[in-house]
C-alpha cells in the first residue's frame, strides 16, 4: 500500500492485479487512474412522424482504485532503462536532463544521487524517483514505456 501523501498526479503505480496505472487524481480514500467519455447515439421514433430523430447520451466512465489496492513499482535496471537512464559502469547510472546529466548509484539499498552531493536515502520505487526528479529538475521523468 502507498500513502496518499507520497503520490502526485502522473505517478506510475501498480494494481494488485499487476496492471501499471498512472495517477490522474487523488481523492480521500481512492485515486482516479482512467477516465473515458462514451457517446452513444440511438434512433428514437417520435409518434407517427416519418422524420428520423436521434437520441444522444454522453457518459463519463471513471476508473478508480482504493489506496489498499495499489502497490509501488520497485526500481530495477530494466525500469531505469525504460526511463532513459544509461548504465556505463557497474552500479553507475546516468540520466541526461536538458544539457547536463545526473549520476546515480544503484545497488541493494536503492538508487542514490552521486554528484554533486550524495543523497542519504535510497530511492526504491518508481513513484519516488518521479517525485525526486521533479523536485530537483522541475521536469517530469519520461515513463511512457513502463
N, C-alpha and C. Protein backbone atom coordinates (compact mmCIF):
# COMPACT_ATOMS: atom_id res chain seq x y z
N UNK A 1 0.84 -1.19 0.00
CA UNK A 1 0.00 0.00 0.00
C UNK A 1 0.89 1.25 0.00
N UNK A 2 0.43 2.26 -0.69
CA UNK A 2 1.12 3.54 -0.75
C UNK A 2 0.24 4.58 -0.08
N UNK A 3 0.83 5.44 0.71
CA UNK A 3 0.08 6.51 1.36
C UNK A 3 -0.15 7.64 0.35
N UNK A 4 -1.30 8.28 0.44
CA UNK A 4 -1.66 9.36 -0.49
C UNK A 4 -0.65 10.50 -0.50
N UNK A 5 0.00 10.76 0.63
CA UNK A 5 0.97 11.85 0.71
C UNK A 5 2.20 11.60 -0.16
N UNK A 6 2.45 10.35 -0.53
CA UNK A 6 3.60 10.02 -1.36
C UNK A 6 3.34 10.22 -2.84
N UNK A 7 2.08 10.39 -3.22
CA UNK A 7 1.72 10.42 -4.63
C UNK A 7 1.41 11.82 -5.13
N UNK A 8 1.57 11.98 -6.44
CA UNK A 8 1.11 13.18 -7.13
C UNK A 8 0.66 12.75 -8.51
N UNK A 9 -0.08 13.61 -9.17
CA UNK A 9 -0.60 13.28 -10.49
C UNK A 9 0.56 12.98 -11.43
N UNK A 10 0.40 11.92 -12.22
CA UNK A 10 1.44 11.49 -13.15
C UNK A 10 2.27 10.34 -12.65
N UNK A 11 2.20 10.03 -11.34
CA UNK A 11 2.97 8.90 -10.81
C UNK A 11 2.47 7.58 -11.38
N UNK A 12 3.41 6.68 -11.60
CA UNK A 12 3.09 5.32 -12.04
C UNK A 12 3.11 4.40 -10.83
N UNK A 13 2.06 3.60 -10.69
CA UNK A 13 1.94 2.60 -9.62
C UNK A 13 1.33 1.34 -10.23
N UNK A 14 1.17 0.30 -9.41
CA UNK A 14 0.62 -0.95 -9.88
C UNK A 14 -0.60 -1.35 -9.07
N UNK A 15 -1.56 -1.98 -9.73
CA UNK A 15 -2.71 -2.52 -9.01
C UNK A 15 -2.33 -3.89 -8.46
N UNK A 16 -3.15 -4.44 -7.59
CA UNK A 16 -2.91 -5.78 -7.05
C UNK A 16 -2.91 -6.83 -8.15
N UNK A 17 -3.58 -6.52 -9.27
CA UNK A 17 -3.63 -7.45 -10.39
C UNK A 17 -2.40 -7.33 -11.29
N UNK A 18 -1.49 -6.41 -10.99
CA UNK A 18 -0.26 -6.26 -11.76
C UNK A 18 -0.35 -5.25 -12.90
N UNK A 19 -1.46 -4.53 -13.02
CA UNK A 19 -1.62 -3.53 -14.08
C UNK A 19 -0.91 -2.24 -13.67
N UNK A 20 -0.10 -1.69 -14.58
CA UNK A 20 0.55 -0.41 -14.33
C UNK A 20 -0.42 0.70 -14.68
N UNK A 21 -0.64 1.61 -13.73
CA UNK A 21 -1.59 2.71 -13.94
C UNK A 21 -0.91 4.04 -13.64
N UNK A 22 -1.48 5.11 -14.18
CA UNK A 22 -0.98 6.46 -13.96
C UNK A 22 -1.99 7.24 -13.15
N UNK A 23 -1.55 7.83 -12.05
CA UNK A 23 -2.43 8.59 -11.17
C UNK A 23 -2.90 9.85 -11.90
N UNK A 24 -4.22 10.03 -12.00
CA UNK A 24 -4.79 11.22 -12.63
C UNK A 24 -5.35 12.19 -11.59
N UNK A 25 -5.89 11.65 -10.52
CA UNK A 25 -6.49 12.49 -9.48
C UNK A 25 -6.42 11.75 -8.15
N UNK A 26 -6.13 12.47 -7.07
CA UNK A 26 -6.04 11.85 -5.76
C UNK A 26 -7.22 12.33 -4.92
N UNK A 27 -8.01 11.37 -4.45
CA UNK A 27 -9.18 11.67 -3.63
C UNK A 27 -8.88 11.24 -2.19
N UNK A 28 -9.89 11.29 -1.32
CA UNK A 28 -9.69 10.98 0.09
C UNK A 28 -9.21 9.54 0.32
N UNK A 29 -9.93 8.56 -0.18
CA UNK A 29 -9.59 7.15 0.03
C UNK A 29 -9.21 6.42 -1.25
N UNK A 30 -9.34 7.10 -2.38
CA UNK A 30 -9.10 6.44 -3.67
C UNK A 30 -8.30 7.36 -4.58
N UNK A 31 -7.88 6.79 -5.70
CA UNK A 31 -7.28 7.61 -6.74
C UNK A 31 -7.93 7.24 -8.07
N UNK A 32 -8.04 8.23 -8.93
CA UNK A 32 -8.59 8.01 -10.27
C UNK A 32 -7.42 7.80 -11.20
N UNK A 33 -7.51 6.74 -12.01
CA UNK A 33 -6.42 6.44 -12.93
C UNK A 33 -6.83 6.39 -14.39
N UNK A 34 -8.10 6.47 -14.68
CA UNK A 34 -8.52 6.48 -16.07
C UNK A 34 -9.92 7.07 -16.17
N UNK A 35 -10.12 7.91 -17.14
CA UNK A 35 -11.46 8.43 -17.44
C UNK A 35 -11.69 8.28 -18.93
N UNK A 36 -12.93 8.04 -19.26
CA UNK A 36 -13.27 7.83 -20.65
C UNK A 36 -14.67 8.42 -20.87
N UNK A 37 -14.85 9.09 -21.97
CA UNK A 37 -16.16 9.63 -22.34
C UNK A 37 -16.77 8.69 -23.38
N UNK A 38 -17.92 8.15 -23.07
CA UNK A 38 -18.63 7.27 -24.00
C UNK A 38 -19.83 8.03 -24.55
N UNK A 39 -19.90 8.09 -25.86
CA UNK A 39 -21.02 8.76 -26.52
C UNK A 39 -21.79 7.70 -27.29
N UNK A 40 -23.08 7.60 -26.99
CA UNK A 40 -23.93 6.67 -27.71
C UNK A 40 -25.03 7.45 -28.41
N UNK A 41 -25.40 6.97 -29.55
CA UNK A 41 -26.46 7.64 -30.31
C UNK A 41 -27.43 6.56 -30.79
N UNK A 42 -28.69 6.78 -30.44
CA UNK A 42 -29.72 5.82 -30.82
C UNK A 42 -30.84 6.53 -31.56
N UNK A 43 -31.46 5.78 -32.42
CA UNK A 43 -32.57 6.34 -33.16
C UNK A 43 -33.82 6.28 -32.28
N UNK A 44 -34.53 7.37 -32.23
CA UNK A 44 -35.75 7.44 -31.44
C UNK A 44 -36.90 7.81 -32.36
N UNK A 45 -37.98 7.09 -32.23
CA UNK A 45 -39.13 7.42 -33.06
C UNK A 45 -40.07 8.31 -32.26
N UNK A 46 -40.56 9.34 -32.91
CA UNK A 46 -41.46 10.28 -32.26
C UNK A 46 -42.83 10.14 -32.92
N UNK A 47 -43.72 9.46 -32.23
CA UNK A 47 -45.08 9.29 -32.74
C UNK A 47 -45.10 8.62 -34.11
N UNK A 48 -45.94 9.15 -35.00
CA UNK A 48 -46.09 8.59 -36.34
C UNK A 48 -45.36 9.42 -37.37
N UNK A 49 -44.37 10.15 -36.92
CA UNK A 49 -43.61 11.02 -37.81
C UNK A 49 -42.66 10.19 -38.67
N UNK A 50 -42.45 10.64 -39.90
CA UNK A 50 -41.52 9.98 -40.79
C UNK A 50 -40.11 10.55 -40.65
N UNK A 51 -39.98 11.58 -39.84
CA UNK A 51 -38.70 12.23 -39.64
C UNK A 51 -37.87 11.40 -38.64
N UNK A 52 -36.60 11.16 -38.96
CA UNK A 52 -35.72 10.39 -38.09
C UNK A 52 -35.15 11.31 -37.02
N UNK A 53 -35.26 10.88 -35.78
CA UNK A 53 -34.74 11.63 -34.65
C UNK A 53 -33.75 10.75 -33.91
N UNK A 54 -32.67 11.36 -33.44
CA UNK A 54 -31.65 10.60 -32.72
C UNK A 54 -31.57 11.08 -31.28
N UNK A 55 -31.27 10.16 -30.42
CA UNK A 55 -31.10 10.41 -29.00
C UNK A 55 -29.62 10.19 -28.69
N UNK A 56 -28.95 11.19 -28.16
CA UNK A 56 -27.52 11.09 -27.85
C UNK A 56 -27.33 11.12 -26.35
N UNK A 57 -26.46 10.21 -25.88
CA UNK A 57 -26.16 10.14 -24.46
C UNK A 57 -24.65 10.20 -24.28
N UNK A 58 -24.20 11.07 -23.38
CA UNK A 58 -22.78 11.20 -23.07
C UNK A 58 -22.59 10.76 -21.61
N UNK A 59 -21.71 9.77 -21.43
CA UNK A 59 -21.46 9.22 -20.09
C UNK A 59 -19.96 9.22 -19.84
N UNK A 60 -19.56 9.71 -18.67
CA UNK A 60 -18.16 9.66 -18.28
C UNK A 60 -17.94 8.41 -17.43
N UNK A 61 -17.02 7.56 -17.86
CA UNK A 61 -16.69 6.34 -17.13
C UNK A 61 -15.37 6.60 -16.41
N UNK A 62 -15.37 6.45 -15.09
CA UNK A 62 -14.20 6.74 -14.27
C UNK A 62 -13.72 5.45 -13.63
N UNK A 63 -12.41 5.17 -13.78
CA UNK A 63 -11.82 4.01 -13.12
C UNK A 63 -11.04 4.53 -11.92
N UNK A 64 -11.32 3.96 -10.76
CA UNK A 64 -10.60 4.38 -9.57
C UNK A 64 -10.21 3.16 -8.75
N UNK A 65 -9.20 3.35 -7.92
CA UNK A 65 -8.70 2.28 -7.07
C UNK A 65 -8.52 2.82 -5.65
N UNK A 66 -8.78 1.97 -4.69
CA UNK A 66 -8.54 2.35 -3.30
C UNK A 66 -7.04 2.24 -3.02
N UNK A 67 -6.55 3.01 -2.07
CA UNK A 67 -5.13 3.02 -1.77
C UNK A 67 -4.62 1.64 -1.32
N UNK A 68 -5.48 0.83 -0.69
CA UNK A 68 -5.08 -0.52 -0.29
C UNK A 68 -4.86 -1.41 -1.49
N UNK A 69 -5.38 -1.02 -2.66
CA UNK A 69 -5.30 -1.84 -3.86
C UNK A 69 -4.13 -1.48 -4.77
N UNK A 70 -3.30 -0.51 -4.36
CA UNK A 70 -2.18 -0.12 -5.22
C UNK A 70 -0.85 -0.38 -4.52
N UNK A 71 0.12 -0.72 -5.34
CA UNK A 71 1.45 -1.06 -4.85
C UNK A 71 2.49 -0.22 -5.59
N UNK A 72 3.62 0.04 -4.95
CA UNK A 72 4.68 0.75 -5.65
C UNK A 72 5.35 -0.16 -6.67
N UNK A 73 5.96 0.44 -7.69
CA UNK A 73 6.71 -0.31 -8.69
C UNK A 73 8.18 -0.26 -8.27
N UNK A 74 8.74 -1.42 -7.96
CA UNK A 74 10.13 -1.49 -7.50
C UNK A 74 11.08 -1.15 -8.64
N UNK A 75 12.09 -0.34 -8.33
CA UNK A 75 13.08 0.01 -9.34
C UNK A 75 13.95 -1.20 -9.67
N UNK A 76 14.16 -1.41 -10.95
CA UNK A 76 15.05 -2.46 -11.46
C UNK A 76 15.88 -1.84 -12.58
N UNK A 77 16.96 -2.50 -12.97
CA UNK A 77 17.72 -1.98 -14.11
C UNK A 77 16.85 -1.81 -15.37
N UNK A 78 15.94 -2.73 -15.59
CA UNK A 78 15.06 -2.64 -16.76
C UNK A 78 14.17 -1.40 -16.70
N UNK A 79 13.60 -1.11 -15.53
CA UNK A 79 12.76 0.09 -15.35
C UNK A 79 13.60 1.34 -15.58
N UNK A 80 14.81 1.38 -15.02
CA UNK A 80 15.67 2.55 -15.20
C UNK A 80 15.97 2.80 -16.69
N UNK A 81 16.24 1.73 -17.43
CA UNK A 81 16.49 1.87 -18.87
C UNK A 81 15.27 2.42 -19.60
N UNK A 82 14.09 1.95 -19.22
CA UNK A 82 12.86 2.43 -19.85
C UNK A 82 12.60 3.90 -19.55
N UNK A 83 13.18 4.40 -18.46
CA UNK A 83 13.02 5.80 -18.07
C UNK A 83 14.12 6.70 -18.63
N UNK A 84 15.00 6.15 -19.45
CA UNK A 84 16.03 6.95 -20.08
C UNK A 84 17.40 6.93 -19.41
N UNK A 85 17.56 6.12 -18.37
CA UNK A 85 18.86 6.00 -17.71
C UNK A 85 19.78 5.13 -18.55
N UNK A 86 21.07 5.43 -18.48
CA UNK A 86 22.07 4.62 -19.16
C UNK A 86 23.08 4.13 -18.13
N UNK A 87 23.51 2.88 -18.31
CA UNK A 87 24.45 2.26 -17.39
C UNK A 87 25.77 2.07 -18.12
N UNK A 88 26.81 2.75 -17.64
CA UNK A 88 28.12 2.66 -18.28
C UNK A 88 29.12 1.86 -17.45
N UNK A 89 29.02 1.95 -16.14
CA UNK A 89 29.95 1.27 -15.25
C UNK A 89 29.13 0.59 -14.16
N UNK A 90 29.30 -0.68 -13.96
CA UNK A 90 28.62 -1.49 -12.95
C UNK A 90 27.39 -0.85 -12.32
N UNK A 91 27.57 -0.15 -11.19
CA UNK A 91 26.44 0.38 -10.44
C UNK A 91 26.11 1.83 -10.80
N UNK A 92 26.85 2.45 -11.71
CA UNK A 92 26.63 3.85 -12.04
C UNK A 92 25.60 4.00 -13.16
N UNK A 93 24.59 4.79 -12.89
CA UNK A 93 23.52 5.05 -13.85
C UNK A 93 23.45 6.55 -14.10
N UNK A 94 23.33 6.94 -15.36
CA UNK A 94 23.34 8.35 -15.73
C UNK A 94 22.04 8.70 -16.45
N UNK A 95 21.47 9.85 -16.08
CA UNK A 95 20.26 10.35 -16.72
C UNK A 95 20.56 11.73 -17.28
N UNK A 96 20.32 11.90 -18.56
CA UNK A 96 20.52 13.20 -19.20
C UNK A 96 19.28 14.06 -18.96
N UNK A 97 19.50 15.27 -18.44
CA UNK A 97 18.42 16.21 -18.16
C UNK A 97 18.81 17.53 -18.81
N UNK A 98 18.08 17.90 -19.85
CA UNK A 98 18.43 19.12 -20.57
C UNK A 98 19.82 19.00 -21.15
N UNK A 99 20.69 19.97 -20.87
CA UNK A 99 22.06 19.94 -21.37
C UNK A 99 23.05 19.32 -20.42
N UNK A 100 22.59 18.83 -19.27
CA UNK A 100 23.52 18.23 -18.32
C UNK A 100 23.07 16.80 -18.00
N UNK A 101 23.73 16.19 -17.05
CA UNK A 101 23.35 14.84 -16.65
C UNK A 101 23.47 14.68 -15.14
N UNK A 102 22.76 13.70 -14.63
CA UNK A 102 22.79 13.36 -13.20
C UNK A 102 23.36 11.96 -13.05
N UNK A 103 24.29 11.79 -12.12
CA UNK A 103 24.90 10.49 -11.86
C UNK A 103 24.28 9.86 -10.63
N UNK A 104 23.90 8.59 -10.76
CA UNK A 104 23.30 7.85 -9.66
C UNK A 104 24.06 6.55 -9.45
N UNK A 105 23.96 6.05 -8.24
CA UNK A 105 24.49 4.74 -7.92
C UNK A 105 23.28 3.86 -7.59
N UNK A 106 23.22 2.67 -8.18
CA UNK A 106 22.08 1.77 -7.97
C UNK A 106 22.61 0.46 -7.38
N UNK A 107 22.18 0.14 -6.15
CA UNK A 107 22.57 -1.11 -5.51
C UNK A 107 21.40 -1.62 -4.67
N UNK A 108 21.68 -2.54 -3.75
CA UNK A 108 20.62 -3.15 -2.93
C UNK A 108 19.87 -2.14 -2.06
N UNK A 109 20.50 -1.03 -1.74
CA UNK A 109 19.86 -0.01 -0.90
C UNK A 109 18.98 0.94 -1.71
N UNK A 110 19.02 0.83 -3.03
CA UNK A 110 18.22 1.68 -3.89
C UNK A 110 19.09 2.58 -4.76
N UNK A 111 18.46 3.54 -5.36
CA UNK A 111 19.12 4.49 -6.25
C UNK A 111 19.50 5.72 -5.44
N UNK A 112 20.76 6.14 -5.55
CA UNK A 112 21.24 7.31 -4.80
C UNK A 112 21.95 8.26 -5.74
N UNK A 113 21.66 9.54 -5.57
CA UNK A 113 22.34 10.59 -6.33
C UNK A 113 23.81 10.61 -5.91
N UNK A 114 24.72 10.64 -6.88
CA UNK A 114 26.16 10.62 -6.58
C UNK A 114 26.75 12.02 -6.51
N UNK A 115 26.40 12.86 -7.45
CA UNK A 115 27.04 14.19 -7.53
C UNK A 115 25.99 15.25 -7.65
N UNK A 116 26.19 16.43 -7.23
CA UNK A 116 27.34 16.93 -6.50
C UNK A 116 27.34 16.52 -5.03
N UNK A 117 26.16 16.23 -4.47
CA UNK A 117 26.08 15.82 -3.07
C UNK A 117 25.37 14.46 -3.02
N UNK A 118 26.01 13.44 -2.50
CA UNK A 118 25.34 12.13 -2.44
C UNK A 118 24.08 12.20 -1.58
N UNK A 119 23.01 11.53 -2.04
CA UNK A 119 21.77 11.53 -1.27
C UNK A 119 21.88 10.54 -0.11
N UNK A 120 21.15 10.80 0.95
CA UNK A 120 21.20 9.96 2.14
C UNK A 120 20.31 8.73 2.02
N UNK A 121 19.11 8.90 1.49
CA UNK A 121 18.16 7.80 1.41
C UNK A 121 18.14 7.22 0.00
N UNK A 122 18.03 5.92 -0.06
CA UNK A 122 17.93 5.26 -1.35
C UNK A 122 16.52 5.33 -1.90
N UNK A 123 16.39 5.57 -3.19
CA UNK A 123 15.09 5.59 -3.86
C UNK A 123 14.82 4.17 -4.34
N UNK A 124 13.75 3.57 -3.85
CA UNK A 124 13.46 2.17 -4.14
C UNK A 124 12.32 1.95 -5.13
N UNK A 125 11.47 2.98 -5.31
CA UNK A 125 10.28 2.80 -6.14
C UNK A 125 10.16 3.89 -7.21
N UNK A 126 9.48 3.54 -8.29
CA UNK A 126 9.36 4.44 -9.42
C UNK A 126 8.68 5.76 -9.05
N UNK A 127 7.61 5.73 -8.26
CA UNK A 127 6.93 6.99 -7.92
C UNK A 127 7.84 7.89 -7.10
N UNK A 128 8.72 7.31 -6.26
CA UNK A 128 9.68 8.11 -5.50
C UNK A 128 10.69 8.78 -6.43
N UNK A 129 11.15 8.04 -7.43
CA UNK A 129 12.09 8.59 -8.42
C UNK A 129 11.43 9.71 -9.21
N UNK A 130 10.18 9.51 -9.62
CA UNK A 130 9.46 10.56 -10.35
C UNK A 130 9.37 11.83 -9.50
N UNK A 131 9.01 11.69 -8.25
CA UNK A 131 8.87 12.85 -7.36
C UNK A 131 10.22 13.53 -7.12
N UNK A 132 11.26 12.74 -6.88
CA UNK A 132 12.59 13.27 -6.62
C UNK A 132 13.09 14.09 -7.81
N UNK A 133 12.99 13.52 -9.01
CA UNK A 133 13.48 14.24 -10.20
C UNK A 133 12.66 15.48 -10.50
N UNK A 134 11.37 15.43 -10.22
CA UNK A 134 10.55 16.63 -10.44
C UNK A 134 10.98 17.75 -9.49
N UNK A 135 11.29 17.40 -8.25
CA UNK A 135 11.70 18.40 -7.28
C UNK A 135 13.05 19.02 -7.64
N UNK A 136 14.02 18.20 -8.06
CA UNK A 136 15.35 18.77 -8.31
C UNK A 136 15.52 19.35 -9.70
N UNK A 137 14.72 18.91 -10.69
CA UNK A 137 14.89 19.42 -12.05
C UNK A 137 13.71 20.26 -12.53
N UNK A 138 12.54 20.09 -11.92
CA UNK A 138 11.34 20.78 -12.38
C UNK A 138 10.75 20.14 -13.63
N UNK A 139 11.25 18.97 -14.02
CA UNK A 139 10.77 18.26 -15.21
C UNK A 139 10.24 16.89 -14.82
N UNK A 140 9.27 16.43 -15.61
CA UNK A 140 8.72 15.10 -15.39
C UNK A 140 9.64 14.04 -15.98
N UNK A 141 9.75 12.90 -15.33
CA UNK A 141 10.52 11.78 -15.83
C UNK A 141 9.69 11.07 -16.89
N UNK A 142 10.29 10.78 -18.03
CA UNK A 142 9.59 10.07 -19.09
C UNK A 142 9.36 8.62 -18.67
N UNK A 143 8.10 8.23 -18.53
CA UNK A 143 7.76 6.87 -18.10
C UNK A 143 6.72 6.24 -19.00
N UNK A 144 6.65 6.67 -20.23
CA UNK A 144 5.63 6.17 -21.16
C UNK A 144 5.69 4.66 -21.38
N UNK A 145 6.88 4.10 -21.41
CA UNK A 145 7.04 2.69 -21.78
C UNK A 145 7.15 1.76 -20.58
N UNK A 146 6.87 2.27 -19.39
CA UNK A 146 6.97 1.45 -18.18
C UNK A 146 5.70 0.65 -18.01
